[in-house]
């Protein structure tokens, strides 16, 4: 899984290349504190909140 998650291309795009149908199911969308791994990548101060979107990606109906 690490290779998929760390791949520089879009994860949704990678799934589209392997599945007949890809669906993105939003679970949570809200302002929340940025995660430790996001502070540096987004150049955010630790106290800053970010728009967080958690989703379930489905490949041919199966959560992946």
N, C-alpha and C. Protein backbone atom coordinates (compact mmCIF):
# COMPACT_ATOMS: atom_id res chain seq x y z
N UNK A 1 0.81 -1.19 0.00
CA UNK A 1 0.00 0.00 0.00
C UNK A 1 0.85 1.26 0.00
N UNK A 2 2.01 1.18 0.62
CA UNK A 2 2.88 2.36 0.74
C UNK A 2 3.17 2.96 -0.64
N UNK A 3 3.46 2.11 -1.62
CA UNK A 3 3.75 2.59 -2.96
C UNK A 3 2.60 3.36 -3.58
N UNK A 4 1.39 2.91 -3.29
CA UNK A 4 0.21 3.61 -3.81
C UNK A 4 0.04 4.97 -3.13
N UNK A 5 0.15 4.97 -1.82
CA UNK A 5 -0.09 6.20 -1.06
C UNK A 5 0.99 7.24 -1.33
N UNK A 6 2.23 6.82 -1.50
CA UNK A 6 3.33 7.76 -1.71
C UNK A 6 3.58 8.07 -3.19
N UNK A 7 2.84 7.45 -4.07
CA UNK A 7 3.02 7.70 -5.51
C UNK A 7 2.72 9.16 -5.82
N UNK A 8 3.53 9.80 -6.67
CA UNK A 8 3.34 11.23 -6.94
C UNK A 8 2.09 11.53 -7.76
N UNK A 9 1.52 10.54 -8.43
CA UNK A 9 0.30 10.77 -9.21
C UNK A 9 -0.92 10.72 -8.30
N UNK A 10 -2.04 11.12 -8.84
CA UNK A 10 -3.31 11.09 -8.12
C UNK A 10 -3.69 9.65 -7.79
N UNK A 11 -4.03 9.39 -6.54
CA UNK A 11 -4.46 8.06 -6.14
C UNK A 11 -5.75 7.70 -6.87
N UNK A 12 -6.66 8.65 -7.00
CA UNK A 12 -7.90 8.39 -7.73
C UNK A 12 -7.60 8.04 -9.19
N UNK A 13 -6.63 8.74 -9.79
CA UNK A 13 -6.23 8.44 -11.17
C UNK A 13 -5.65 7.05 -11.31
N UNK A 14 -4.84 6.63 -10.34
CA UNK A 14 -4.28 5.29 -10.37
C UNK A 14 -5.38 4.23 -10.30
N UNK A 15 -6.37 4.48 -9.46
CA UNK A 15 -7.48 3.54 -9.35
C UNK A 15 -8.30 3.49 -10.64
N UNK A 16 -8.50 4.64 -11.26
CA UNK A 16 -9.27 4.68 -12.51
C UNK A 16 -8.61 3.85 -13.59
N UNK A 17 -7.28 3.74 -13.55
CA UNK A 17 -6.56 2.94 -14.53
C UNK A 17 -6.75 1.44 -14.29
N UNK A 18 -7.19 1.05 -13.11
CA UNK A 18 -7.31 -0.37 -12.75
C UNK A 18 -8.74 -0.84 -12.54
N UNK A 19 -9.69 0.08 -12.43
CA UNK A 19 -11.07 -0.29 -12.11
C UNK A 19 -12.01 0.20 -13.21
N UNK A 20 -13.14 -0.49 -13.33
CA UNK A 20 -14.16 -0.04 -14.27
C UNK A 20 -14.88 1.19 -13.71
N UNK A 21 -15.11 1.19 -12.40
CA UNK A 21 -15.82 2.30 -11.76
C UNK A 21 -15.13 2.69 -10.47
N UNK A 22 -14.81 3.98 -10.33
CA UNK A 22 -14.22 4.52 -9.10
C UNK A 22 -15.21 5.52 -8.51
N UNK A 23 -15.46 5.38 -7.22
CA UNK A 23 -16.35 6.30 -6.52
C UNK A 23 -15.62 6.87 -5.32
N UNK A 24 -15.86 8.15 -5.07
CA UNK A 24 -15.30 8.84 -3.91
C UNK A 24 -16.45 9.17 -2.97
N UNK A 25 -16.44 8.56 -1.79
CA UNK A 25 -17.50 8.75 -0.81
C UNK A 25 -16.98 9.62 0.33
N UNK A 26 -17.40 10.90 0.41
CA UNK A 26 -16.96 11.75 1.51
C UNK A 26 -17.45 11.20 2.86
N UNK A 27 -16.58 11.24 3.84
CA UNK A 27 -16.92 10.80 5.19
C UNK A 27 -16.98 12.01 6.12
N UNK A 28 -15.95 12.85 6.08
CA UNK A 28 -15.88 14.05 6.91
C UNK A 28 -15.27 15.17 6.09
N UNK A 29 -15.87 16.36 6.21
CA UNK A 29 -15.29 17.56 5.61
C UNK A 29 -15.45 18.68 6.64
N UNK A 30 -14.34 19.19 7.14
CA UNK A 30 -14.42 20.21 8.18
C UNK A 30 -13.04 20.85 8.39
N UNK A 31 -13.03 22.01 9.05
CA UNK A 31 -11.77 22.58 9.48
C UNK A 31 -11.30 21.81 10.70
N UNK A 32 -10.03 21.48 10.71
CA UNK A 32 -9.43 20.71 11.81
C UNK A 32 -7.95 21.06 11.87
N UNK A 33 -7.30 20.80 12.99
CA UNK A 33 -5.86 21.04 13.07
C UNK A 33 -5.13 20.21 12.02
N UNK A 34 -4.15 20.81 11.40
CA UNK A 34 -3.33 20.08 10.42
C UNK A 34 -2.54 19.00 11.15
N UNK A 35 -2.38 17.86 10.51
CA UNK A 35 -1.62 16.76 11.09
C UNK A 35 -0.13 17.06 11.08
N UNK A 36 0.61 16.35 11.88
CA UNK A 36 2.06 16.53 12.00
C UNK A 36 2.74 16.43 10.63
N UNK A 37 2.32 15.46 9.81
CA UNK A 37 2.93 15.27 8.50
C UNK A 37 2.53 16.36 7.50
N UNK A 38 1.52 17.15 7.83
CA UNK A 38 1.03 18.19 6.92
C UNK A 38 1.64 19.57 7.20
N UNK A 39 2.07 19.82 8.42
CA UNK A 39 2.61 21.15 8.75
C UNK A 39 3.71 21.56 7.79
N UNK A 40 4.70 20.69 7.64
CA UNK A 40 5.84 21.01 6.79
C UNK A 40 5.48 21.06 5.31
N UNK A 41 4.68 20.08 4.86
CA UNK A 41 4.31 20.02 3.44
C UNK A 41 3.51 21.25 3.02
N UNK A 42 2.65 21.73 3.89
CA UNK A 42 1.79 22.87 3.57
C UNK A 42 2.34 24.19 4.09
N UNK A 43 3.50 24.10 4.77
CA UNK A 43 4.12 25.30 5.34
C UNK A 43 3.14 26.04 6.26
N UNK A 44 2.51 25.30 7.16
CA UNK A 44 1.54 25.86 8.09
C UNK A 44 2.11 25.93 9.50
N UNK A 45 1.75 26.97 10.25
CA UNK A 45 2.11 26.95 11.68
C UNK A 45 1.30 25.86 12.38
N UNK A 46 1.83 25.32 13.44
CA UNK A 46 1.17 24.21 14.13
C UNK A 46 -0.21 24.56 14.65
N UNK A 47 -0.48 25.82 14.93
CA UNK A 47 -1.78 26.22 15.47
C UNK A 47 -2.83 26.44 14.37
N UNK A 48 -2.42 26.41 13.13
CA UNK A 48 -3.33 26.72 12.01
C UNK A 48 -4.20 25.52 11.66
N UNK A 49 -5.46 25.79 11.40
CA UNK A 49 -6.36 24.73 10.97
C UNK A 49 -6.37 24.65 9.45
N UNK A 50 -6.72 23.49 8.94
CA UNK A 50 -6.78 23.25 7.51
C UNK A 50 -8.13 22.62 7.17
N UNK A 51 -8.53 22.73 5.91
CA UNK A 51 -9.75 22.07 5.47
C UNK A 51 -9.40 20.59 5.27
N UNK A 52 -10.03 19.73 6.05
CA UNK A 52 -9.73 18.31 6.04
C UNK A 52 -10.90 17.57 5.39
N UNK A 53 -10.57 16.70 4.47
CA UNK A 53 -11.59 15.90 3.80
C UNK A 53 -11.15 14.45 3.86
N UNK A 54 -11.92 13.65 4.56
CA UNK A 54 -11.66 12.21 4.63
C UNK A 54 -12.67 11.52 3.73
N UNK A 55 -12.19 10.58 2.93
CA UNK A 55 -13.06 9.89 1.98
C UNK A 55 -12.79 8.38 2.00
N UNK A 56 -13.75 7.65 1.47
CA UNK A 56 -13.57 6.23 1.18
C UNK A 56 -13.52 6.14 -0.34
N UNK A 57 -12.45 5.58 -0.87
CA UNK A 57 -12.35 5.35 -2.31
C UNK A 57 -12.84 3.94 -2.59
N UNK A 58 -13.73 3.81 -3.56
CA UNK A 58 -14.28 2.51 -3.92
C UNK A 58 -13.88 2.15 -5.34
N UNK A 59 -13.40 0.95 -5.51
CA UNK A 59 -13.00 0.42 -6.82
C UNK A 59 -13.99 -0.70 -7.15
N UNK A 60 -14.83 -0.45 -8.15
CA UNK A 60 -15.86 -1.41 -8.52
C UNK A 60 -16.70 -1.82 -7.32
N UNK A 61 -17.02 -0.85 -6.48
CA UNK A 61 -17.88 -1.07 -5.32
C UNK A 61 -17.16 -1.52 -4.05
N UNK A 62 -15.88 -1.85 -4.15
CA UNK A 62 -15.12 -2.34 -3.00
C UNK A 62 -14.29 -1.22 -2.41
N UNK A 63 -14.40 -0.95 -1.09
CA UNK A 63 -13.54 0.06 -0.47
C UNK A 63 -12.07 -0.36 -0.61
N UNK A 64 -11.23 0.59 -1.01
CA UNK A 64 -9.80 0.29 -1.16
C UNK A 64 -8.95 1.27 -0.37
